């Protein structure tokens, strides 16, 4: 039986929140403003540098509207950090007014992680709300909008835009909700991440061939799992060709990815999933699962190494049985 929207909410144990505005900083927050006045910071990086790396108390940063051309690296902290972007609708990415952008790529000699517009290296709890992260490099090299490289991180009402390797969820627990992710090649990827994507709009670029996910899981003992739940997949523009993109390909031989309750347009190839490459297929031990997806992209004869799941993946099996109480989780964003 297909779960209704209300039953899905019960299945996840989630709650819902009404849309609200956040256009001024919460008490105690460091403030970023393109027209910074006394006591404010002109760049996000400057505010990050002003954070305490030794205090266990929660800290926060509020960013006023604007485009900030910089790379931001969040170091290891001892307590929770929350960054808020100004918005008139916290419940969605569509009203975001804050963009952080840069164009670093591996073509210029950076590591994959080093190209990230935002590099989040803290595992003590991190939440990002209503911020657009852009890597403007374009086609031709790995170029991250986000490097989530430490775990215990949540992203809510955000936009992530790139081409190849847009979002890296490399290790530990992470949650993406009510957000937009744009890319073409392996643009949701990582090796050891336990990542839940919920209510995410995935948009693919207009090229002849592309892959949404690339799981680098390399052993059966690695808990890594990338689960896309209650989301949508479509072309970024109407010019994206039918069947041009795959749900994923296996970067590692034990790649594990699932799509469930997700609407897919015909941009998704009827085979659903692809091998890594002809000389290195990496399909021997993969777990590429689907459950109750809809739309033209969910139809057709799937690859022989794909699996039709008999039940949906539970969020607790990815983030843990105590997921609702984790510092980086905002349950009001989970469907």
C-alpha atoms as a PDB file:
ATOM      1  CA  UNK A   1       0.000   0.000   0.000  1.00  0.00           C
ATOM      2  CA  UNK A   2       1.341   3.445  -0.881  1.00  0.00           C
ATOM      3  CA  UNK A   3       1.746   5.673   2.151  1.00  0.00           C
ATOM      4  CA  UNK A   4      -0.264   8.879   2.186  1.00  0.00           C
ATOM      5  CA  UNK A   5       1.420  12.150   3.070  1.00  0.00           C
ATOM      6  CA  UNK A   6       0.033  12.007   6.600  1.00  0.00           C
ATOM      7  CA  UNK A   7       1.164   8.426   7.098  1.00  0.00           C
ATOM      8  CA  UNK A   8       4.648   9.323   5.862  1.00  0.00           C
ATOM      9  CA  UNK A   9       4.810  11.970   8.565  1.00  0.00           C
ATOM     10  CA  UNK A  10       3.793   9.405  11.170  1.00  0.00           C
ATOM     11  CA  UNK A  11       6.333   6.939   9.786  1.00  0.00           C
ATOM     12  CA  UNK A  12       9.084   9.508  10.270  1.00  0.00           C
ATOM     13  CA  UNK A  13       7.803  10.814  13.575  1.00  0.00           C
ATOM     14  CA  UNK A  14       8.034  14.355  12.233  1.00  0.00           C
ATOM     15  CA  UNK A  15       6.255  17.609  12.973  1.00  0.00           C
ATOM     16  CA  UNK A  16       5.410  20.527  10.737  1.00  0.00           C
ATOM     17  CA  UNK A  17       5.904  24.258  11.213  1.00  0.00           C
ATOM     18  CA  UNK A  18       4.196  27.214   9.585  1.00  0.00           C
ATOM     19  CA  UNK A  19       6.241  29.516   7.389  1.00  0.00           C
ATOM     20  CA  UNK A  20       7.704  32.471   9.241  1.00  0.00           C
ATOM     21  CA  UNK A  21       9.910  35.453   8.494  1.00  0.00           C
ATOM     22  CA  UNK A  22      13.463  35.932   9.772  1.00  0.00           C
ATOM     23  CA  UNK A  23      14.793  39.322   8.736  1.00  0.00           C
ATOM     24  CA  UNK A  24      16.639  40.401  11.879  1.00  0.00           C
ATOM     25  CA  UNK A  25      19.314  38.696  13.982  1.00  0.00           C
ATOM     26  CA  UNK A  26      18.477  36.624  17.040  1.00  0.00           C
ATOM     27  CA  UNK A  27      19.861  37.802  20.356  1.00  0.00           C
ATOM     28  CA  UNK A  28      23.597  37.238  20.711  1.00  0.00           C
ATOM     29  CA  UNK A  29      24.238  36.455  17.052  1.00  0.00           C
ATOM     30  CA  UNK A  30      27.254  37.767  15.188  1.00  0.00           C
ATOM     31  CA  UNK A  31      25.966  39.898  12.318  1.00  0.00           C
ATOM     32  CA  UNK A  32      27.160  39.955   8.693  1.00  0.00           C
ATOM     33  CA  UNK A  33      26.162  42.837   6.421  1.00  0.00           C
ATOM     34  CA  UNK A  34      27.495  44.035   3.070  1.00  0.00           C
ATOM     35  CA  UNK A  35      27.110  47.536   4.524  1.00  0.00           C
ATOM     36  CA  UNK A  36      28.550  46.627   7.897  1.00  0.00           C
ATOM     37  CA  UNK A  37      28.208  49.126  10.721  1.00  0.00           C
ATOM     38  CA  UNK A  38      30.059  49.128  14.017  1.00  0.00           C
ATOM     39  CA  UNK A  39      30.100  45.685  15.621  1.00  0.00           C
ATOM     40  CA  UNK A  40      29.152  43.916  12.374  1.00  0.00           C
ATOM     41  CA  UNK A  41      31.207  41.956   9.853  1.00  0.00           C
ATOM     42  CA  UNK A  42      31.403  42.614   6.136  1.00  0.00           C
ATOM     43  CA  UNK A  43      32.122  38.990   5.181  1.00  0.00           C
ATOM     44  CA  UNK A  44      30.902  35.652   6.435  1.00  0.00           C
ATOM     45  CA  UNK A  45      34.505  34.519   6.825  1.00  0.00           C
ATOM     46  CA  UNK A  46      35.234  37.409   9.174  1.00  0.00           C
ATOM     47  CA  UNK A  47      32.314  36.440  11.395  1.00  0.00           C
ATOM     48  CA  UNK A  48      33.427  32.792  11.391  1.00  0.00           C
ATOM     49  CA  UNK A  49      36.916  33.855  12.455  1.00  0.00           C
ATOM     50  CA  UNK A  50      35.365  35.704  15.401  1.00  0.00           C
ATOM     51  CA  UNK A  51      33.746  32.526  16.756  1.00  0.00           C
ATOM     52  CA  UNK A  52      35.165  30.845  19.830  1.00  0.00           C
ATOM     53  CA  UNK A  53      36.767  27.500  19.052  1.00  0.00           C
ATOM     54  CA  UNK A  54      36.978  26.552  22.743  1.00  0.00           C
ATOM     55  CA  UNK A  55      33.553  27.427  24.185  1.00  0.00           C
ATOM     56  CA  UNK A  56      30.947  24.678  24.448  1.00  0.00           C
ATOM     57  CA  UNK A  57      28.123  27.233  24.366  1.00  0.00           C
ATOM     58  CA  UNK A  58      25.928  27.485  21.279  1.00  0.00           C
ATOM     59  CA  UNK A  59      26.903  30.271  18.848  1.00  0.00           C
ATOM     60  CA  UNK A  60      25.123  31.828  15.902  1.00  0.00           C
ATOM     61  CA  UNK A  61      25.661  34.068  12.887  1.00  0.00           C
ATOM     62  CA  UNK A  62      22.993  36.087  11.078  1.00  0.00           C
ATOM     63  CA  UNK A  63      23.563  37.237   7.489  1.00  0.00           C
ATOM     64  CA  UNK A  64      21.734  40.210   5.989  1.00  0.00           C
ATOM     65  CA  UNK A  65      20.698  40.130   2.291  1.00  0.00           C
ATOM     66  CA  UNK A  66      23.457  40.260  -0.281  1.00  0.00           C
ATOM     67  CA  UNK A  67      25.872  38.323  -2.444  1.00  0.00           C
ATOM     68  CA  UNK A  68      29.094  37.414  -0.649  1.00  0.00           C
ATOM     69  CA  UNK A  69      31.923  36.414  -3.003  1.00  0.00           C
ATOM     70  CA  UNK A  70      34.163  34.284  -0.818  1.00  0.00           C
ATOM     71  CA  UNK A  71      35.042  30.821   0.389  1.00  0.00           C
ATOM     72  CA  UNK A  72      33.980  30.116   3.948  1.00  0.00           C
ATOM     73  CA  UNK A  73      35.715  27.495   6.094  1.00  0.00           C
ATOM     74  CA  UNK A  74      34.144  26.610   9.430  1.00  0.00           C
ATOM     75  CA  UNK A  75      36.763  25.088  11.739  1.00  0.00           C
ATOM     76  CA  UNK A  76      36.257  22.466  14.412  1.00  0.00           C
ATOM     77  CA  UNK A  77      34.228  23.973  17.241  1.00  0.00           C
ATOM     78  CA  UNK A  78      33.287  22.700  20.708  1.00  0.00           C
ATOM     79  CA  UNK A  79      29.593  23.589  20.563  1.00  0.00           C
ATOM     80  CA  UNK A  80      26.645  24.020  18.224  1.00  0.00           C
ATOM     81  CA  UNK A  81      26.858  26.654  15.483  1.00  0.00           C
ATOM     82  CA  UNK A  82      23.795  27.960  13.638  1.00  0.00           C
ATOM     83  CA  UNK A  83      23.994  30.271  10.623  1.00  0.00           C
ATOM     84  CA  UNK A  84      20.843  32.069   9.486  1.00  0.00           C
ATOM     85  CA  UNK A  85      20.251  33.810   6.177  1.00  0.00           C
ATOM     86  CA  UNK A  86      17.707  36.624   6.078  1.00  0.00           C
ATOM     87  CA  UNK A  87      14.410  35.522   4.523  1.00  0.00           C
ATOM     88  CA  UNK A  88      10.719  36.296   4.497  1.00  0.00           C
ATOM     89  CA  UNK A  89       9.882  32.584   4.430  1.00  0.00           C
ATOM     90  CA  UNK A  90      11.999  30.260   6.538  1.00  0.00           C
ATOM     91  CA  UNK A  91      10.010  27.251   5.326  1.00  0.00           C
ATOM     92  CA  UNK A  92      11.400  27.361   1.772  1.00  0.00           C
ATOM     93  CA  UNK A  93      14.494  28.181  -0.269  1.00  0.00           C
ATOM     94  CA  UNK A  94      12.469  30.283  -2.725  1.00  0.00           C
ATOM     95  CA  UNK A  95      12.628  33.497  -0.670  1.00  0.00           C
ATOM     96  CA  UNK A  96      16.328  33.316   0.193  1.00  0.00           C
ATOM     97  CA  UNK A  97      18.181  36.630  -0.045  1.00  0.00           C
ATOM     98  CA  UNK A  98      21.699  35.520   0.926  1.00  0.00           C
ATOM     99  CA  UNK A  99      24.132  33.997  -1.572  1.00  0.00           C
ATOM    100  CA  UNK A 100      27.717  32.907  -0.967  1.00  0.00           C
ATOM    101  CA  UNK A 101      29.576  32.240  -4.201  1.00  0.00           C
ATOM    102  CA  UNK A 102      33.015  31.310  -5.474  1.00  0.00           C
ATOM    103  CA  UNK A 103      34.509  29.561  -8.502  1.00  0.00           C
ATOM    104  CA  UNK A 104      37.313  27.359  -7.189  1.00  0.00           C
ATOM    105  CA  UNK A 105      37.859  24.003  -8.911  1.00  0.00           C
ATOM    106  CA  UNK A 106      40.262  21.088  -9.016  1.00  0.00           C
ATOM    107  CA  UNK A 107      41.431  22.407 -12.372  1.00  0.00           C
ATOM    108  CA  UNK A 108      43.300  25.109 -10.443  1.00  0.00           C
ATOM    109  CA  UNK A 109      45.044  22.573  -8.223  1.00  0.00           C
ATOM    110  CA  UNK A 110      42.683  22.464  -5.246  1.00  0.00           C
ATOM    111  CA  UNK A 111      41.581  19.236  -3.589  1.00  0.00           C
ATOM    112  CA  UNK A 112      37.909  18.369  -4.016  1.00  0.00           C
ATOM    113  CA  UNK A 113      37.193  19.519  -0.459  1.00  0.00           C
ATOM    114  CA  UNK A 114      39.300  22.610  -1.031  1.00  0.00           C
ATOM    115  CA  UNK A 115      37.047  23.839  -3.832  1.00  0.00           C
ATOM    116  CA  UNK A 116      34.016  24.162  -1.571  1.00  0.00           C
ATOM    117  CA  UNK A 117      32.260  27.498  -1.360  1.00  0.00           C
ATOM    118  CA  UNK A 118      31.382  26.427   2.180  1.00  0.00           C
ATOM    119  CA  UNK A 119      33.623  23.934   3.956  1.00  0.00           C
ATOM    120  CA  UNK A 120      32.035  22.743   7.194  1.00  0.00           C
ATOM    121  CA  UNK A 121      34.693  20.999   9.286  1.00  0.00           C
ATOM    122  CA  UNK A 122      32.951  20.980  12.674  1.00  0.00           C
ATOM    123  CA  UNK A 123      31.297  17.867  14.096  1.00  0.00           C
ATOM    124  CA  UNK A 124      29.906  19.425  17.283  1.00  0.00           C
ATOM    125  CA  UNK A 125      26.627  20.343  15.601  1.00  0.00           C
ATOM    126  CA  UNK A 126      26.045  22.735  12.716  1.00  0.00           C
ATOM    127  CA  UNK A 127      22.821  24.081  11.185  1.00  0.00           C
ATOM    128  CA  UNK A 128      22.514  26.293   8.115  1.00  0.00           C
ATOM    129  CA  UNK A 129      19.235  28.018   7.269  1.00  0.00           C
ATOM    130  CA  UNK A 130      18.135  29.817   4.111  1.00  0.00           C
ATOM    131  CA  UNK A 131      21.496  30.417   2.463  1.00  0.00           C
ATOM    132  CA  UNK A 132      22.339  29.885  -1.209  1.00  0.00           C
ATOM    133  CA  UNK A 133      25.731  28.281  -1.866  1.00  0.00           C
ATOM    134  CA  UNK A 134      27.068  28.548  -5.410  1.00  0.00           C
ATOM    135  CA  UNK A 135      30.141  27.225  -7.151  1.00  0.00           C
ATOM    136  CA  UNK A 136      30.228  29.168 -10.408  1.00  0.00           C
ATOM    137  CA  UNK A 137      33.063  27.243 -12.109  1.00  0.00           C
ATOM    138  CA  UNK A 138      30.773  25.296 -14.423  1.00  0.00           C
ATOM    139  CA  UNK A 139      31.579  22.318 -16.623  1.00  0.00           C
ATOM    140  CA  UNK A 140      35.030  20.723 -16.829  1.00  0.00           C
ATOM    141  CA  UNK A 141      36.191  19.991 -13.293  1.00  0.00           C
ATOM    142  CA  UNK A 142      35.089  19.034  -9.805  1.00  0.00           C
ATOM    143  CA  UNK A 143      33.853  22.171  -8.062  1.00  0.00           C
ATOM    144  CA  UNK A 144      31.908  21.982  -4.792  1.00  0.00           C
ATOM    145  CA  UNK A 145      29.269  24.337  -3.476  1.00  0.00           C
ATOM    146  CA  UNK A 146      29.368  22.472  -0.133  1.00  0.00           C
ATOM    147  CA  UNK A 147      31.892  20.262   1.575  1.00  0.00           C
ATOM    148  CA  UNK A 148      30.151  18.685   4.571  1.00  0.00           C
ATOM    149  CA  UNK A 149      33.220  16.960   5.890  1.00  0.00           C
ATOM    150  CA  UNK A 150      32.688  16.256   9.577  1.00  0.00           C
ATOM    151  CA  UNK A 151      29.152  15.040  10.286  1.00  0.00           C
ATOM    152  CA  UNK A 152      26.396  16.212  12.635  1.00  0.00           C
ATOM    153  CA  UNK A 153      25.288  18.863  10.151  1.00  0.00           C
ATOM    154  CA  UNK A 154      21.855  19.993   8.962  1.00  0.00           C
ATOM    155  CA  UNK A 155      20.866  22.196   6.019  1.00  0.00           C
ATOM    156  CA  UNK A 156      17.396  23.744   5.859  1.00  0.00           C
ATOM    157  CA  UNK A 157      15.774  25.829   3.136  1.00  0.00           C
ATOM    158  CA  UNK A 158      19.093  26.170   1.308  1.00  0.00           C
ATOM    159  CA  UNK A 159      20.136  26.210  -2.336  1.00  0.00           C
ATOM    160  CA  UNK A 160      23.233  24.401  -3.623  1.00  0.00           C
ATOM    161  CA  UNK A 161      24.257  25.151  -7.197  1.00  0.00           C
ATOM    162  CA  UNK A 162      27.136  23.687  -9.179  1.00  0.00           C
ATOM    163  CA  UNK A 163      27.843  21.279 -12.024  1.00  0.00           C
ATOM    164  CA  UNK A 164      30.124  18.420 -10.927  1.00  0.00           C
ATOM    165  CA  UNK A 165      30.334  17.429  -7.234  1.00  0.00           C
ATOM    166  CA  UNK A 166      27.936  20.143  -6.035  1.00  0.00           C
ATOM    167  CA  UNK A 167      27.325  18.642  -2.576  1.00  0.00           C
ATOM    168  CA  UNK A 168      29.828  16.439  -0.773  1.00  0.00           C
ATOM    169  CA  UNK A 169      28.451  14.690   2.319  1.00  0.00           C
ATOM    170  CA  UNK A 170      31.666  12.876   3.062  1.00  0.00           C
ATOM    171  CA  UNK A 171      31.389  11.458   6.547  1.00  0.00           C
ATOM    172  CA  UNK A 172      29.137  11.220   9.588  1.00  0.00           C
ATOM    173  CA  UNK A 173      25.472  12.153   9.901  1.00  0.00           C
ATOM    174  CA  UNK A 174      23.863  14.878   7.804  1.00  0.00           C
ATOM    175  CA  UNK A 175      20.349  16.044   6.956  1.00  0.00           C
ATOM    176  CA  UNK A 176      19.182  18.154   4.006  1.00  0.00           C
ATOM    177  CA  UNK A 177      15.565  19.328   4.004  1.00  0.00           C
ATOM    178  CA  UNK A 178      13.328  21.608   1.934  1.00  0.00           C
ATOM    179  CA  UNK A 179      16.306  22.586  -0.181  1.00  0.00           C
ATOM    180  CA  UNK A 180      17.365  22.807  -3.831  1.00  0.00           C
ATOM    181  CA  UNK A 181      20.369  20.956  -5.284  1.00  0.00           C
ATOM    182  CA  UNK A 182      21.449  21.689  -8.863  1.00  0.00           C
ATOM    183  CA  UNK A 183      24.127  19.846 -10.834  1.00  0.00           C
ATOM    184  CA  UNK A 184      24.956  17.349 -13.516  1.00  0.00           C
ATOM    185  CA  UNK A 185      27.732  14.902 -12.625  1.00  0.00           C
ATOM    186  CA  UNK A 186      27.964  13.006  -9.302  1.00  0.00           C
ATOM    187  CA  UNK A 187      26.536  16.092  -7.655  1.00  0.00           C
ATOM    188  CA  UNK A 188      25.364  14.434  -4.436  1.00  0.00           C
ATOM    189  CA  UNK A 189      28.276  12.315  -3.315  1.00  0.00           C
ATOM    190  CA  UNK A 190      30.577  11.077  -0.581  1.00  0.00           C
ATOM    191  CA  UNK A 191      32.286   7.999   0.802  1.00  0.00           C
ATOM    192  CA  UNK A 192      31.229   7.525   4.418  1.00  0.00           C
ATOM    193  CA  UNK A 193      28.216   9.816   4.842  1.00  0.00           C
ATOM    194  CA  UNK A 194      24.998   8.743   6.532  1.00  0.00           C
ATOM    195  CA  UNK A 195      22.823  11.261   4.768  1.00  0.00           C
ATOM    196  CA  UNK A 196      19.068  11.817   4.673  1.00  0.00           C
ATOM    197  CA  UNK A 197      17.662  14.176   2.027  1.00  0.00           C
ATOM    198  CA  UNK A 198      14.028  15.094   2.626  1.00  0.00           C
ATOM    199  CA  UNK A 199      11.725  17.263   0.528  1.00  0.00           C
ATOM    200  CA  UNK A 200      14.639  18.238  -1.711  1.00  0.00           C
ATOM    201  CA  UNK A 201      14.186  19.552  -5.250  1.00  0.00           C
ATOM    202  CA  UNK A 202      16.927  18.012  -7.398  1.00  0.00           C
ATOM    203  CA  UNK A 203      17.493  19.767 -10.729  1.00  0.00           C
ATOM    204  CA  UNK A 204      19.769  18.443 -13.467  1.00  0.00           C
ATOM    205  CA  UNK A 205      21.662  20.569 -15.980  1.00  0.00           C
ATOM    206  CA  UNK A 206      21.043  20.392 -19.744  1.00  0.00           C
ATOM    207  CA  UNK A 207      23.850  18.088 -20.905  1.00  0.00           C
ATOM    208  CA  UNK A 208      23.894  14.823 -22.821  1.00  0.00           C
ATOM    209  CA  UNK A 209      24.765  12.615 -19.827  1.00  0.00           C
ATOM    210  CA  UNK A 210      24.645  13.027 -16.075  1.00  0.00           C
ATOM    211  CA  UNK A 211      24.445  11.260 -12.708  1.00  0.00           C
ATOM    212  CA  UNK A 212      22.678  12.507  -9.582  1.00  0.00           C
ATOM    213  CA  UNK A 213      24.536  10.498  -6.921  1.00  0.00           C
ATOM    214  CA  UNK A 214      27.931   8.868  -6.499  1.00  0.00           C
ATOM    215  CA  UNK A 215      28.370   6.760  -3.377  1.00  0.00           C
ATOM    216  CA  UNK A 216      31.966   5.844  -2.598  1.00  0.00           C
ATOM    217  CA  UNK A 217      31.129   3.222   0.038  1.00  0.00           C
ATOM    218  CA  UNK A 218      33.910   0.636  -0.230  1.00  0.00           C
ATOM    219  CA  UNK A 219      33.004  -2.114   2.262  1.00  0.00           C
ATOM    220  CA  UNK A 220      29.954  -3.878   3.662  1.00  0.00           C
ATOM    221  CA  UNK A 221      30.850  -2.737   7.196  1.00  0.00           C
ATOM    222  CA  UNK A 222      30.693   0.970   6.322  1.00  0.00           C
ATOM    223  CA  UNK A 223      27.348   2.399   7.619  1.00  0.00           C
ATOM    224  CA  UNK A 224      27.237   4.921   4.773  1.00  0.00           C
ATOM    225  CA  UNK A 225      23.804   5.382   3.189  1.00  0.00           C
ATOM    226  CA  UNK A 226      22.432   8.164   0.999  1.00  0.00           C
ATOM    227  CA  UNK A 227      18.623   8.228   1.096  1.00  0.00           C
ATOM    228  CA  UNK A 228      16.516  10.650  -0.937  1.00  0.00           C
ATOM    229  CA  UNK A 229      12.990  10.785   0.498  1.00  0.00           C
ATOM    230  CA  UNK A 230       9.834  12.574  -0.627  1.00  0.00           C
ATOM    231  CA  UNK A 231      11.738  14.688  -3.149  1.00  0.00           C
ATOM    232  CA  UNK A 232      11.533  15.715  -6.810  1.00  0.00           C
ATOM    233  CA  UNK A 233      13.853  15.294  -9.807  1.00  0.00           C
ATOM    234  CA  UNK A 234      13.467  17.374 -12.965  1.00  0.00           C
ATOM    235  CA  UNK A 235      15.447  19.342 -15.517  1.00  0.00           C
ATOM    236  CA  UNK A 236      16.861  22.695 -14.506  1.00  0.00           C
ATOM    237  CA  UNK A 237      15.437  23.942 -17.811  1.00  0.00           C
ATOM    238  CA  UNK A 238      13.019  22.547 -20.371  1.00  0.00           C
ATOM    239  CA  UNK A 239      15.945  21.741 -22.691  1.00  0.00           C
ATOM    240  CA  UNK A 240      17.169  18.787 -20.609  1.00  0.00           C
ATOM    241  CA  UNK A 241      16.793  15.706 -22.808  1.00  0.00           C
ATOM    242  CA  UNK A 242      14.636  12.723 -21.909  1.00  0.00           C
ATOM    243  CA  UNK A 243      16.667   9.851 -20.453  1.00  0.00           C
ATOM    244  CA  UNK A 244      19.870  11.873 -20.189  1.00  0.00           C
ATOM    245  CA  UNK A 245      20.490  11.376 -16.477  1.00  0.00           C
ATOM    246  CA  UNK A 246      20.810   8.465 -14.082  1.00  0.00           C
ATOM    247  CA  UNK A 247      19.902   8.305 -10.396  1.00  0.00           C
ATOM    248  CA  UNK A 248      23.472   7.369  -9.616  1.00  0.00           C
ATOM    249  CA  UNK A 249      26.602   5.407 -10.344  1.00  0.00           C
ATOM    250  CA  UNK A 250      28.877   3.501  -7.940  1.00  0.00           C
ATOM    251  CA  UNK A 251      32.051   5.374  -7.051  1.00  0.00           C
ATOM    252  CA  UNK A 252      32.730   2.481  -4.637  1.00  0.00           C
ATOM    253  CA  UNK A 253      31.965  -1.215  -5.104  1.00  0.00           C
ATOM    254  CA  UNK A 254      29.605  -1.215  -2.083  1.00  0.00           C
ATOM    255  CA  UNK A 255      27.745   1.960  -3.044  1.00  0.00           C
ATOM    256  CA  UNK A 256      24.439   2.308  -1.197  1.00  0.00           C
ATOM    257  CA  UNK A 257      21.729   4.763  -2.275  1.00  0.00           C
ATOM    258  CA  UNK A 258      17.925   4.750  -2.125  1.00  0.00           C
ATOM    259  CA  UNK A 259      15.228   6.932  -3.659  1.00  0.00           C
ATOM    260  CA  UNK A 260      11.742   6.652  -2.166  1.00  0.00           C
ATOM    261  CA  UNK A 261       8.446   8.528  -2.510  1.00  0.00           C
ATOM    262  CA  UNK A 262      10.192  10.724  -5.070  1.00  0.00           C
ATOM    263  CA  UNK A 263       8.703  12.233  -8.220  1.00  0.00           C
ATOM    264  CA  UNK A 264      10.921  11.895 -11.299  1.00  0.00           C
ATOM    265  CA  UNK A 265      10.362  13.412 -14.722  1.00  0.00           C
ATOM    266  CA  UNK A 266      11.534  11.739 -17.922  1.00  0.00           C
ATOM    267  CA  UNK A 267      15.026  13.235 -17.583  1.00  0.00           C
ATOM    268  CA  UNK A 268      15.827  10.025 -15.660  1.00  0.00           C
ATOM    269  CA  UNK A 269      16.891   7.163 -17.910  1.00  0.00           C
ATOM    270  CA  UNK A 270      14.650   4.091 -17.839  1.00  0.00           C
ATOM    271  CA  UNK A 271      17.596   1.979 -16.601  1.00  0.00           C
ATOM    272  CA  UNK A 272      17.665   4.185 -13.512  1.00  0.00           C
ATOM    273  CA  UNK A 273      21.247   3.420 -12.561  1.00  0.00           C
ATOM    274  CA  UNK A 274      24.604   3.262 -14.332  1.00  0.00           C
ATOM    275  CA  UNK A 275      27.908   1.480 -13.821  1.00  0.00           C
ATOM    276  CA  UNK A 276      30.873   3.649 -12.838  1.00  0.00           C
ATOM    277  CA  UNK A 277      32.606   3.197 -16.190  1.00  0.00           C
ATOM    278  CA  UNK A 278      33.103   0.377 -18.680  1.00  0.00           C
ATOM    279  CA  UNK A 279      36.558  -0.609 -17.428  1.00  0.00           C
ATOM    280  CA  UNK A 280      35.547  -0.339 -13.764  1.00  0.00           C
ATOM    281  CA  UNK A 281      31.803  -1.037 -13.377  1.00  0.00           C
ATOM    282  CA  UNK A 282      31.818  -1.332  -9.530  1.00  0.00           C
ATOM    283  CA  UNK A 283      28.452  -3.101  -9.555  1.00  0.00           C
ATOM    284  CA  UNK A 284      29.309  -6.363  -7.740  1.00  0.00           C
ATOM    285  CA  UNK A 285      28.040  -5.375  -4.309  1.00  0.00           C
ATOM    286  CA  UNK A 286      25.981  -2.224  -4.809  1.00  0.00           C
ATOM    287  CA  UNK A 287      22.662  -1.499  -3.131  1.00  0.00           C
ATOM    288  CA  UNK A 288      20.710   0.809  -5.413  1.00  0.00           C
ATOM    289  CA  UNK A 289      17.133   0.799  -4.158  1.00  0.00           C
ATOM    290  CA  UNK A 290      13.822   2.402  -5.059  1.00  0.00           C
ATOM    291  CA  UNK A 291      10.461   2.436  -3.335  1.00  0.00           C
ATOM    292  CA  UNK A 292       7.154   3.958  -4.436  1.00  0.00           C
ATOM    293  CA  UNK A 293       8.622   6.586  -6.738  1.00  0.00           C
ATOM    294  CA  UNK A 294       6.370   8.258  -9.311  1.00  0.00           C
ATOM    295  CA  UNK A 295       6.553   9.973 -12.678  1.00  0.00           C
ATOM    296  CA  UNK A 296       7.938   9.019 -16.076  1.00  0.00           C
ATOM    297  CA  UNK A 297      11.466   8.739 -14.705  1.00  0.00           C
ATOM    298  CA  UNK A 298      10.414   6.000 -12.280  1.00  0.00           C
ATOM    299  CA  UNK A 299       9.212   3.758 -15.105  1.00  0.00           C
ATOM    300  CA  UNK A 300      10.999   1.278 -17.333  1.00  0.00           C
ATOM    301  CA  UNK A 301      13.278  -1.739 -16.944  1.00  0.00           C
ATOM    302  CA  UNK A 302      15.884  -0.918 -14.320  1.00  0.00           C
ATOM    303  CA  UNK A 303      19.529  -2.000 -14.449  1.00  0.00           C
ATOM    304  CA  UNK A 304      20.152  -5.603 -13.416  1.00  0.00           C
ATOM    305  CA  UNK A 305      22.034  -4.479 -10.304  1.00  0.00           C
ATOM    306  CA  UNK A 306      19.186  -2.250  -9.038  1.00  0.00           C
ATOM    307  CA  UNK A 307      16.732  -3.304  -6.323  1.00  0.00           C
ATOM    308  CA  UNK A 308      13.022  -2.715  -5.884  1.00  0.00           C
ATOM    309  CA  UNK A 309      12.712  -2.283  -2.125  1.00  0.00           C
ATOM    310  CA  UNK A 310       9.934  -4.112  -0.288  1.00  0.00           C
ATOM    311  CA  UNK A 311       9.636  -1.341   2.325  1.00  0.00           C
ATOM    312  CA  UNK A 312      10.823   2.237   2.695  1.00  0.00           C
ATOM    313  CA  UNK A 313      14.080   3.030   4.443  1.00  0.00           C
ATOM    314  CA  UNK A 314      13.431   4.506   7.886  1.00  0.00           C
ATOM    315  CA  UNK A 315      15.170   7.715   8.844  1.00  0.00           C
ATOM    316  CA  UNK A 316      16.235   6.055  12.102  1.00  0.00           C
ATOM    317  CA  UNK A 317      18.227   3.474  10.162  1.00  0.00           C
ATOM    318  CA  UNK A 318      20.301   6.280   8.647  1.00  0.00           C
ATOM    319  CA  UNK A 319      20.559   8.892  11.403  1.00  0.00           C
ATOM    320  CA  UNK A 320      20.004   6.622  14.414  1.00  0.00           C
ATOM    321  CA  UNK A 321      17.071   5.868  16.709  1.00  0.00           C
ATOM    322  CA  UNK A 322      17.638   9.126  18.611  1.00  0.00           C
ATOM    323  CA  UNK A 323      17.691  11.255  15.459  1.00  0.00           C
ATOM    324  CA  UNK A 324      14.964  13.655  16.621  1.00  0.00           C
ATOM    325  CA  UNK A 325      17.040  14.759  19.620  1.00  0.00           C
ATOM    326  CA  UNK A 326      20.306  15.348  17.749  1.00  0.00           C
ATOM    327  CA  UNK A 327      21.576  18.927  17.980  1.00  0.00           C
ATOM    328  CA  UNK A 328      21.730  19.473  14.212  1.00  0.00           C
ATOM    329  CA  UNK A 329      18.241  18.105  13.459  1.00  0.00           C
ATOM    330  CA  UNK A 330      15.273  20.440  13.016  1.00  0.00           C
ATOM    331  CA  UNK A 331      12.278  18.106  12.894  1.00  0.00           C
ATOM    332  CA  UNK A 332       9.944  20.873  11.684  1.00  0.00           C
ATOM    333  CA  UNK A 333      11.575  20.594   8.250  1.00  0.00           C
ATOM    334  CA  UNK A 334      11.207  16.822   7.918  1.00  0.00           C
ATOM    335  CA  UNK A 335       8.172  15.532   6.006  1.00  0.00           C
END
